[in-house]
Amino acid sequence: MPVCKKCESDVSKVYDCEHTDDQEYCKECYTELHYYLTEKE
């Protein structure tokens, strides 16, 4: 089972992109990160 690099939880699906530096994030952390990025601009 994959583990989120940010919260270190076991998750069923992970997401990564250039914003996470190709680290695997769970959906919650990934959504939070993208929300933060879009709000910041």
C-alpha atoms as a PDB file:
ATOM      1  CA  MET A   1       0.000   0.000   0.000  1.00  0.00           C
ATOM      2  CA  PRO A   2       1.411   3.432  -0.901  1.00  0.00           C
ATOM      3  CA  VAL A   3       2.295   5.915   1.821  1.00  0.00           C
ATOM      4  CA  CYS A   4       1.783   9.659   1.568  1.00  0.00           C
ATOM      5  CA  LYS A   5       5.092  11.528   1.819  1.00  0.00           C
ATOM      6  CA  LYS A   6       3.479  14.458   3.612  1.00  0.00           C
ATOM      7  CA  CYS A   7       1.200  12.935   6.261  1.00  0.00           C
ATOM      8  CA  GLU A   8       2.761   9.431   6.164  1.00  0.00           C
ATOM      9  CA  SER A   9      -0.616   7.706   6.088  1.00  0.00           C
ATOM     10  CA  ASP A  10      -1.266   4.478   4.259  1.00  0.00           C
ATOM     11  CA  VAL A  11      -3.529   5.336   1.344  1.00  0.00           C
ATOM     12  CA  SER A  12      -5.127   3.416  -1.482  1.00  0.00           C
ATOM     13  CA  LYS A  13      -4.186   5.940  -4.150  1.00  0.00           C
ATOM     14  CA  VAL A  14      -1.399   8.497  -4.362  1.00  0.00           C
ATOM     15  CA  TYR A  15      -0.925  11.525  -6.573  1.00  0.00           C
ATOM     16  CA  ASP A  16       2.203  13.274  -7.726  1.00  0.00           C
ATOM     17  CA  CYS A  17       3.164  16.123 -10.019  1.00  0.00           C
ATOM     18  CA  GLU A  18       5.777  18.830 -10.403  1.00  0.00           C
ATOM     19  CA  HIS A  19       4.315  20.650  -7.385  1.00  0.00           C
ATOM     20  CA  THR A  20       5.040  17.739  -5.078  1.00  0.00           C
ATOM     21  CA  ASP A  21       8.550  17.288  -6.525  1.00  0.00           C
ATOM     22  CA  ASP A  22       7.337  13.903  -7.752  1.00  0.00           C
ATOM     23  CA  GLN A  23       6.700  12.748  -4.200  1.00  0.00           C
ATOM     24  CA  GLU A  24       3.572  10.692  -3.653  1.00  0.00           C
ATOM     25  CA  TYR A  25       0.815  12.510  -1.766  1.00  0.00           C
ATOM     26  CA  CYS A  26      -2.568  11.262  -0.633  1.00  0.00           C
ATOM     27  CA  LYS A  27      -5.645  12.925  -2.050  1.00  0.00           C
ATOM     28  CA  GLU A  28      -6.134  15.179   0.984  1.00  0.00           C
ATOM     29  CA  CYS A  29      -2.576  16.499   1.038  1.00  0.00           C
ATOM     30  CA  TYR A  30      -2.517  16.847  -2.724  1.00  0.00           C
ATOM     31  CA  THR A  31      -5.793  18.794  -2.763  1.00  0.00           C
ATOM     32  CA  GLU A  32      -4.590  20.968   0.102  1.00  0.00           C
ATOM     33  CA  LEU A  33      -1.349  21.720  -1.720  1.00  0.00           C
ATOM     34  CA  HIS A  34      -3.119  22.686  -4.939  1.00  0.00           C
ATOM     35  CA  TYR A  35      -5.654  24.774  -3.050  1.00  0.00           C
ATOM     36  CA  TYR A  36      -2.800  26.635  -1.386  1.00  0.00           C
ATOM     37  CA  LEU A  37      -1.025  27.158  -4.724  1.00  0.00           C
ATOM     38  CA  THR A  38      -4.124  28.508  -6.458  1.00  0.00           C
ATOM     39  CA  GLU A  39      -5.085  30.776  -3.549  1.00  0.00           C
ATOM     40  CA  LYS A  40      -1.576  32.210  -3.348  1.00  0.00           C
ATOM     41  CA  GLU A  41      -1.570  33.562  -6.910  1.00  0.00           C
END
